């Protein structure tokens, strides 16, 4: 199954983001972007790709330990940016970013210790993807509009293991479906 570890913002923060994304969709050229749907709004901590079912129990146990070793911390959505030449438009994070990076490192280490090949390690950059394009797009107006966006701060208190079900219909614009497979409270939370 195709898996990743993630932080899932609370529903009221998702609503705040939905309001902001609706404004972005009103900007010129917005129809040229493929906007992600609300179920896809998450901070990926570590992307595992296809994981053999036999590995999932060990990975889950290690993720549970990583969650217990991490204390809850404040987090909010803030600002935005791009990857590539406008091929990915994202919203950033604010709050205890060192704690978020530490949790990302721990979720990657859990995978490596479970035998999941992770490839090259990169420094974690918290981002929540809101739009994509197959081609280079000038997303500067969208990034500028996001510069003033800040959601409410929440206490990040849960780590999720999420399954990504890729579209199979071939219908243009169809989005992946996401399913939380497991979740663990951070530190003494919950």
C-alpha atoms as a PDB file:
ATOM      1  CA  UNK A   1       0.000   0.000   0.000  1.00  0.00           C
ATOM      2  CA  UNK A   2       1.115   3.583  -0.696  1.00  0.00           C
ATOM      3  CA  UNK A   3       1.762   5.274   2.680  1.00  0.00           C
ATOM      4  CA  UNK A   4       3.044   8.439   4.294  1.00  0.00           C
ATOM      5  CA  UNK A   5       3.295   9.904   7.800  1.00  0.00           C
ATOM      6  CA  UNK A   6       1.451  13.192   8.223  1.00  0.00           C
ATOM      7  CA  UNK A   7       0.126  16.006  10.357  1.00  0.00           C
ATOM      8  CA  UNK A   8      -3.573  16.602   9.727  1.00  0.00           C
ATOM      9  CA  UNK A   9      -4.768  20.129  10.586  1.00  0.00           C
ATOM     10  CA  UNK A  10      -8.032  20.343  12.570  1.00  0.00           C
ATOM     11  CA  UNK A  11     -11.271  20.932  10.673  1.00  0.00           C
ATOM     12  CA  UNK A  12     -11.661  24.589  11.670  1.00  0.00           C
ATOM     13  CA  UNK A  13      -8.163  25.348  10.325  1.00  0.00           C
ATOM     14  CA  UNK A  14      -9.066  23.493   7.115  1.00  0.00           C
ATOM     15  CA  UNK A  15     -12.122  25.762   6.818  1.00  0.00           C
ATOM     16  CA  UNK A  16      -9.888  28.831   7.221  1.00  0.00           C
ATOM     17  CA  UNK A  17      -7.640  27.512   4.464  1.00  0.00           C
ATOM     18  CA  UNK A  18     -10.648  26.742   2.241  1.00  0.00           C
ATOM     19  CA  UNK A  19     -11.725  30.389   2.515  1.00  0.00           C
ATOM     20  CA  UNK A  20      -8.238  31.530   1.503  1.00  0.00           C
ATOM     21  CA  UNK A  21      -8.007  29.054  -1.395  1.00  0.00           C
ATOM     22  CA  UNK A  22     -11.404  30.234  -2.680  1.00  0.00           C
ATOM     23  CA  UNK A  23      -9.906  33.748  -2.925  1.00  0.00           C
ATOM     24  CA  UNK A  24      -6.883  32.386  -4.789  1.00  0.00           C
ATOM     25  CA  UNK A  25      -9.137  30.607  -7.274  1.00  0.00           C
ATOM     26  CA  UNK A  26     -10.572  34.026  -8.135  1.00  0.00           C
ATOM     27  CA  UNK A  27      -7.210  35.332  -9.363  1.00  0.00           C
ATOM     28  CA  UNK A  28      -6.460  35.487 -13.104  1.00  0.00           C
ATOM     29  CA  UNK A  29      -5.053  32.217 -14.456  1.00  0.00           C
ATOM     30  CA  UNK A  30      -6.353  30.083 -11.590  1.00  0.00           C
ATOM     31  CA  UNK A  31      -8.093  27.739 -14.017  1.00  0.00           C
ATOM     32  CA  UNK A  32      -4.640  26.694 -15.276  1.00  0.00           C
ATOM     33  CA  UNK A  33      -3.806  25.093 -11.922  1.00  0.00           C
ATOM     34  CA  UNK A  34      -5.003  21.753 -10.562  1.00  0.00           C
ATOM     35  CA  UNK A  35      -6.258  22.631  -7.089  1.00  0.00           C
ATOM     36  CA  UNK A  36      -6.015  19.982  -4.391  1.00  0.00           C
ATOM     37  CA  UNK A  37      -9.171  19.075  -2.514  1.00  0.00           C
ATOM     38  CA  UNK A  38      -9.668  19.492   1.215  1.00  0.00           C
ATOM     39  CA  UNK A  39      -9.087  15.798   2.014  1.00  0.00           C
ATOM     40  CA  UNK A  40      -5.595  16.213   0.555  1.00  0.00           C
ATOM     41  CA  UNK A  41      -4.576  19.091   2.816  1.00  0.00           C
ATOM     42  CA  UNK A  42      -1.943  17.746   5.169  1.00  0.00           C
ATOM     43  CA  UNK A  43       1.708  18.173   6.068  1.00  0.00           C
ATOM     44  CA  UNK A  44       3.573  15.100   4.838  1.00  0.00           C
ATOM     45  CA  UNK A  45       6.320  14.261   7.337  1.00  0.00           C
ATOM     46  CA  UNK A  46       7.779  11.289   5.465  1.00  0.00           C
ATOM     47  CA  UNK A  47       6.609   9.747   2.199  1.00  0.00           C
ATOM     48  CA  UNK A  48       7.087   5.971   2.153  1.00  0.00           C
ATOM     49  CA  UNK A  49       5.658   5.036  -1.237  1.00  0.00           C
ATOM     50  CA  UNK A  50       4.598   1.434  -1.723  1.00  0.00           C
ATOM     51  CA  UNK A  51       5.053  -0.465   1.541  1.00  0.00           C
ATOM     52  CA  UNK A  52       4.649  -4.224   1.759  1.00  0.00           C
ATOM     53  CA  UNK A  53       1.746  -5.214   4.030  1.00  0.00           C
ATOM     54  CA  UNK A  54       4.130  -7.375   6.073  1.00  0.00           C
ATOM     55  CA  UNK A  55       6.211  -4.298   7.015  1.00  0.00           C
ATOM     56  CA  UNK A  56       3.262  -2.161   8.199  1.00  0.00           C
ATOM     57  CA  UNK A  57       3.037  -3.625  11.763  1.00  0.00           C
ATOM     58  CA  UNK A  58       6.725  -2.906  12.489  1.00  0.00           C
ATOM     59  CA  UNK A  59       6.504   0.542  10.871  1.00  0.00           C
ATOM     60  CA  UNK A  60       3.379   1.289  12.911  1.00  0.00           C
ATOM     61  CA  UNK A  61       5.050   0.248  16.171  1.00  0.00           C
ATOM     62  CA  UNK A  62       8.041   2.462  15.411  1.00  0.00           C
ATOM     63  CA  UNK A  63       5.798   5.400  14.489  1.00  0.00           C
ATOM     64  CA  UNK A  64       3.946   4.940  17.779  1.00  0.00           C
ATOM     65  CA  UNK A  65       7.257   5.172  19.652  1.00  0.00           C
ATOM     66  CA  UNK A  66       8.238   8.276  17.637  1.00  0.00           C
ATOM     67  CA  UNK A  67       4.924   9.896  18.597  1.00  0.00           C
ATOM     68  CA  UNK A  68       5.340   9.064  22.302  1.00  0.00           C
ATOM     69  CA  UNK A  69       8.857  10.581  22.273  1.00  0.00           C
ATOM     70  CA  UNK A  70       7.553  13.872  20.819  1.00  0.00           C
ATOM     71  CA  UNK A  71       5.711  16.383  22.989  1.00  0.00           C
ATOM     72  CA  UNK A  72       2.670  18.223  21.599  1.00  0.00           C
ATOM     73  CA  UNK A  73       3.580  21.590  20.095  1.00  0.00           C
ATOM     74  CA  UNK A  74       1.921  24.716  18.637  1.00  0.00           C
ATOM     75  CA  UNK A  75       1.401  24.875  14.881  1.00  0.00           C
ATOM     76  CA  UNK A  76      -0.427  27.107  12.412  1.00  0.00           C
ATOM     77  CA  UNK A  77      -0.669  27.617   8.660  1.00  0.00           C
ATOM     78  CA  UNK A  78       1.208  30.655   7.439  1.00  0.00           C
ATOM     79  CA  UNK A  79       2.289  32.187   4.152  1.00  0.00           C
ATOM     80  CA  UNK A  80       3.069  30.260   1.020  1.00  0.00           C
ATOM     81  CA  UNK A  81       5.621  29.354  -1.582  1.00  0.00           C
ATOM     82  CA  UNK A  82       6.335  27.292  -4.651  1.00  0.00           C
ATOM     83  CA  UNK A  83       8.438  24.373  -5.807  1.00  0.00           C
ATOM     84  CA  UNK A  84       9.794  24.144  -9.299  1.00  0.00           C
ATOM     85  CA  UNK A  85       8.753  26.987 -11.509  1.00  0.00           C
ATOM     86  CA  UNK A  86       5.246  27.234 -10.203  1.00  0.00           C
ATOM     87  CA  UNK A  87       4.546  23.530 -10.511  1.00  0.00           C
ATOM     88  CA  UNK A  88       3.600  23.250  -6.834  1.00  0.00           C
ATOM     89  CA  UNK A  89       1.891  26.017  -4.848  1.00  0.00           C
ATOM     90  CA  UNK A  90       1.910  25.475  -1.098  1.00  0.00           C
ATOM     91  CA  UNK A  91       0.979  26.956   2.259  1.00  0.00           C
ATOM     92  CA  UNK A  92       3.662  26.958   4.928  1.00  0.00           C
ATOM     93  CA  UNK A  93       3.714  26.421   8.671  1.00  0.00           C
ATOM     94  CA  UNK A  94       4.481  28.501  11.724  1.00  0.00           C
ATOM     95  CA  UNK A  95       4.874  27.587  15.375  1.00  0.00           C
ATOM     96  CA  UNK A  96       7.397  25.154  16.829  1.00  0.00           C
ATOM     97  CA  UNK A  97       9.040  24.249  13.514  1.00  0.00           C
ATOM     98  CA  UNK A  98      12.052  22.561  15.177  1.00  0.00           C
ATOM     99  CA  UNK A  99       9.615  20.136  16.870  1.00  0.00           C
ATOM    100  CA  UNK A 100       7.886  19.518  13.526  1.00  0.00           C
ATOM    101  CA  UNK A 101      11.254  18.837  11.846  1.00  0.00           C
ATOM    102  CA  UNK A 102      12.228  16.492  14.681  1.00  0.00           C
ATOM    103  CA  UNK A 103       8.975  14.554  14.246  1.00  0.00           C
ATOM    104  CA  UNK A 104       9.611  14.376  10.488  1.00  0.00           C
ATOM    105  CA  UNK A 105      13.123  13.019  11.136  1.00  0.00           C
ATOM    106  CA  UNK A 106      11.714  10.448  13.557  1.00  0.00           C
ATOM    107  CA  UNK A 107       9.093   9.267  11.050  1.00  0.00           C
ATOM    108  CA  UNK A 108      11.803   8.858   8.428  1.00  0.00           C
ATOM    109  CA  UNK A 109      14.032   6.960  10.877  1.00  0.00           C
ATOM    110  CA  UNK A 110      11.096   4.686  11.768  1.00  0.00           C
ATOM    111  CA  UNK A 111      10.794   3.749   8.110  1.00  0.00           C
ATOM    112  CA  UNK A 112      14.501   3.119   7.641  1.00  0.00           C
ATOM    113  CA  UNK A 113      14.592   0.880  10.751  1.00  0.00           C
ATOM    114  CA  UNK A 114      11.578  -1.007   9.384  1.00  0.00           C
ATOM    115  CA  UNK A 115      13.341  -1.645   6.090  1.00  0.00           C
ATOM    116  CA  UNK A 116      11.411   0.897   3.986  1.00  0.00           C
ATOM    117  CA  UNK A 117      13.818   2.399   1.431  1.00  0.00           C
ATOM    118  CA  UNK A 118      13.771   6.174   1.843  1.00  0.00           C
ATOM    119  CA  UNK A 119      16.302   7.319  -0.739  1.00  0.00           C
ATOM    120  CA  UNK A 120      18.272  10.510  -0.167  1.00  0.00           C
ATOM    121  CA  UNK A 121      17.586  12.419   3.063  1.00  0.00           C
ATOM    122  CA  UNK A 122      16.542  16.053   2.587  1.00  0.00           C
ATOM    123  CA  UNK A 123      16.038  18.704   5.242  1.00  0.00           C
ATOM    124  CA  UNK A 124      12.323  18.853   6.010  1.00  0.00           C
ATOM    125  CA  UNK A 125      10.372  21.881   4.760  1.00  0.00           C
ATOM    126  CA  UNK A 126       6.819  21.980   6.120  1.00  0.00           C
ATOM    127  CA  UNK A 127       4.360  22.607   3.309  1.00  0.00           C
ATOM    128  CA  UNK A 128       0.754  21.809   2.530  1.00  0.00           C
ATOM    129  CA  UNK A 129       0.125  21.575  -1.242  1.00  0.00           C
ATOM    130  CA  UNK A 130      -2.867  23.570  -2.490  1.00  0.00           C
ATOM    131  CA  UNK A 131      -2.286  23.458  -6.273  1.00  0.00           C
ATOM    132  CA  UNK A 132      -0.145  21.775  -8.918  1.00  0.00           C
ATOM    133  CA  UNK A 133       0.643  22.206 -12.581  1.00  0.00           C
ATOM    134  CA  UNK A 134       2.364  19.957 -15.085  1.00  0.00           C
ATOM    135  CA  UNK A 135       3.978  23.030 -16.601  1.00  0.00           C
ATOM    136  CA  UNK A 136       5.813  26.092 -15.331  1.00  0.00           C
ATOM    137  CA  UNK A 137       3.297  28.655 -14.120  1.00  0.00           C
ATOM    138  CA  UNK A 138       3.800  32.151 -12.743  1.00  0.00           C
ATOM    139  CA  UNK A 139       2.380  31.654  -9.256  1.00  0.00           C
ATOM    140  CA  UNK A 140       3.875  34.842  -7.796  1.00  0.00           C
ATOM    141  CA  UNK A 141       0.438  36.485  -7.440  1.00  0.00           C
ATOM    142  CA  UNK A 142      -0.782  33.463  -5.445  1.00  0.00           C
ATOM    143  CA  UNK A 143       2.325  33.386  -3.246  1.00  0.00           C
ATOM    144  CA  UNK A 144       1.963  37.137  -2.633  1.00  0.00           C
ATOM    145  CA  UNK A 145      -1.706  36.674  -1.699  1.00  0.00           C
ATOM    146  CA  UNK A 146      -0.703  33.919   0.751  1.00  0.00           C
ATOM    147  CA  UNK A 147       1.927  36.137   2.417  1.00  0.00           C
ATOM    148  CA  UNK A 148      -0.769  37.679   4.626  1.00  0.00           C
ATOM    149  CA  UNK A 149      -2.506  34.390   5.456  1.00  0.00           C
ATOM    150  CA  UNK A 150      -2.164  32.959   8.960  1.00  0.00           C
ATOM    151  CA  UNK A 151      -4.550  30.432  10.465  1.00  0.00           C
ATOM    152  CA  UNK A 152      -5.306  30.101  14.126  1.00  0.00           C
ATOM    153  CA  UNK A 153      -2.675  28.246  16.140  1.00  0.00           C
ATOM    154  CA  UNK A 154      -3.553  24.757  17.330  1.00  0.00           C
ATOM    155  CA  UNK A 155      -1.720  22.222  19.472  1.00  0.00           C
ATOM    156  CA  UNK A 156      -0.328  19.520  17.215  1.00  0.00           C
ATOM    157  CA  UNK A 157      -0.984  16.431  19.272  1.00  0.00           C
ATOM    158  CA  UNK A 158      -1.306  13.510  16.847  1.00  0.00           C
ATOM    159  CA  UNK A 159       0.761  11.681  14.236  1.00  0.00           C
ATOM    160  CA  UNK A 160      -1.112   9.946  11.404  1.00  0.00           C
ATOM    161  CA  UNK A 161      -0.183   7.135   9.028  1.00  0.00           C
ATOM    162  CA  UNK A 162      -2.104   7.790   5.819  1.00  0.00           C
ATOM    163  CA  UNK A 163      -2.786   5.616   2.803  1.00  0.00           C
ATOM    164  CA  UNK A 164      -2.906   7.312  -0.582  1.00  0.00           C
ATOM    165  CA  UNK A 165      -5.227   5.650  -3.079  1.00  0.00           C
ATOM    166  CA  UNK A 166      -4.288   6.916  -6.528  1.00  0.00           C
ATOM    167  CA  UNK A 167      -7.020   7.567  -9.104  1.00  0.00           C
ATOM    168  CA  UNK A 168      -7.699   4.698 -11.478  1.00  0.00           C
ATOM    169  CA  UNK A 169     -10.519   6.049 -13.627  1.00  0.00           C
ATOM    170  CA  UNK A 170      -8.347   8.119 -15.949  1.00  0.00           C
ATOM    171  CA  UNK A 171     -10.737  11.054 -15.539  1.00  0.00           C
ATOM    172  CA  UNK A 172      -8.697  14.295 -15.821  1.00  0.00           C
ATOM    173  CA  UNK A 173      -8.446  16.141 -12.532  1.00  0.00           C
ATOM    174  CA  UNK A 174      -9.472  13.167 -10.394  1.00  0.00           C
ATOM    175  CA  UNK A 175      -7.806  13.444  -6.974  1.00  0.00           C
ATOM    176  CA  UNK A 176      -6.198  10.719  -4.842  1.00  0.00           C
ATOM    177  CA  UNK A 177      -8.273   9.457  -1.921  1.00  0.00           C
ATOM    178  CA  UNK A 178      -6.667   9.545   1.514  1.00  0.00           C
ATOM    179  CA  UNK A 179      -7.417   7.140   4.325  1.00  0.00           C
ATOM    180  CA  UNK A 180      -5.945   7.374   7.828  1.00  0.00           C
ATOM    181  CA  UNK A 181      -4.660   3.879   8.603  1.00  0.00           C
ATOM    182  CA  UNK A 182      -3.480   4.606  12.153  1.00  0.00           C
ATOM    183  CA  UNK A 183      -2.821   7.526  14.472  1.00  0.00           C
ATOM    184  CA  UNK A 184      -0.967   8.045  17.710  1.00  0.00           C
ATOM    185  CA  UNK A 185      -1.094  10.803  20.336  1.00  0.00           C
ATOM    186  CA  UNK A 186       2.112  12.761  20.857  1.00  0.00           C
ATOM    187  CA  UNK A 187       3.840  12.519  24.234  1.00  0.00           C
ATOM    188  CA  UNK A 188       1.262  12.472  26.985  1.00  0.00           C
ATOM    189  CA  UNK A 189      -1.528  13.865  24.747  1.00  0.00           C
ATOM    190  CA  UNK A 190      -4.874  12.148  24.480  1.00  0.00           C
END
